Protein backbone atom coordinates (compact mmCIF):
# COMPACT_ATOMS: atom_id res chain seq x y z
CA UNK A 1 200.03 -83.70 -0.79
CA UNK A 2 200.39 -80.52 -2.87
CA UNK A 3 204.01 -81.44 -3.68
CA UNK A 4 202.87 -84.89 -4.78
CA UNK A 5 200.17 -83.40 -7.01
CA UNK A 6 202.61 -80.99 -8.64
CA UNK A 7 205.18 -83.75 -9.16
CA UNK A 8 202.57 -85.98 -10.79
CA UNK A 9 201.29 -83.17 -13.00
CA UNK A 10 204.81 -82.40 -14.21
CA UNK A 11 205.53 -86.08 -14.87
CA UNK A 12 202.27 -86.54 -16.78
CA UNK A 13 202.90 -83.47 -18.90
CA UNK A 14 206.49 -84.55 -19.66
CA UNK A 15 205.51 -88.13 -20.42
CA UNK A 16 205.64 -89.42 -23.95
CA UNK A 17 202.35 -91.22 -23.26
CA UNK A 18 199.03 -89.57 -23.96
CA UNK A 19 196.72 -88.76 -21.08
CA UNK A 20 194.39 -91.44 -22.43
CA UNK A 21 197.18 -94.03 -22.32
CA UNK A 22 198.20 -93.06 -18.79
CA UNK A 23 194.61 -93.26 -17.55
CA UNK A 24 194.05 -96.60 -19.29
CA UNK A 25 197.27 -98.19 -17.99
CA UNK A 26 196.60 -96.87 -14.48
CA UNK A 27 193.00 -98.14 -14.57
CA UNK A 28 191.83 -94.61 -13.77
CA UNK A 29 188.95 -92.78 -15.39
CA UNK A 30 190.03 -90.29 -18.04
CA UNK A 31 187.62 -87.80 -16.45
CA UNK A 32 189.34 -88.16 -13.06
CA UNK A 33 192.75 -87.60 -14.65
CA UNK A 34 191.49 -84.63 -16.66
CA UNK A 35 189.89 -82.95 -13.62
CA UNK A 36 193.05 -83.52 -11.61
CA UNK A 37 195.27 -81.99 -14.28
CA UNK A 38 192.99 -78.97 -14.67
CA UNK A 39 193.05 -78.38 -10.91
CA UNK A 40 189.32 -78.97 -10.70
CA UNK A 41 189.71 -81.89 -8.28
CA UNK A 42 192.31 -83.68 -6.25
CA UNK A 43 193.00 -87.40 -6.37
CA UNK A 44 193.29 -90.08 -3.74
CA UNK A 45 196.61 -91.48 -2.66
CA UNK A 46 195.58 -94.80 -4.21
CA UNK A 47 194.98 -93.13 -7.59
CA UNK A 48 198.24 -91.19 -7.28
CA UNK A 49 200.01 -94.49 -6.66
CA UNK A 50 198.50 -96.07 -9.77
CA UNK A 51 199.54 -93.12 -11.93
CA UNK A 52 203.01 -93.04 -10.39
CA UNK A 53 203.47 -96.73 -11.14
CA UNK A 54 202.60 -96.18 -14.82
CA UNK A 55 205.05 -93.28 -14.96
CA UNK A 56 207.70 -95.35 -13.15
CA UNK A 57 207.80 -92.97 -10.20
CA UNK A 58 208.27 -94.14 -6.65
CA UNK A 59 206.16 -92.62 -3.89
CA UNK A 60 207.98 -92.22 -0.59
CA UNK A 61 207.06 -90.80 2.77
CA UNK A 62 209.69 -88.07 2.47
CA UNK A 63 209.39 -84.65 0.95
CA UNK A 64 211.74 -83.79 -1.94
CA UNK A 65 213.63 -81.44 0.38
CA UNK A 66 214.32 -84.07 2.99
């Protein structure tokens, strides 16, 4: 799950959308997104999926290395 978290963090930071916009479109609390990005808390797989969908990422059961 650490690889997923890092991938999401990179995608959020590279996105042209604001954190507010990502949270709003993903129907996720801004506080949850902020705590996740600061490393204060993790997120559920469901929340990760919502954020990934907004960022047009596809979650798979494989690691990036195979």
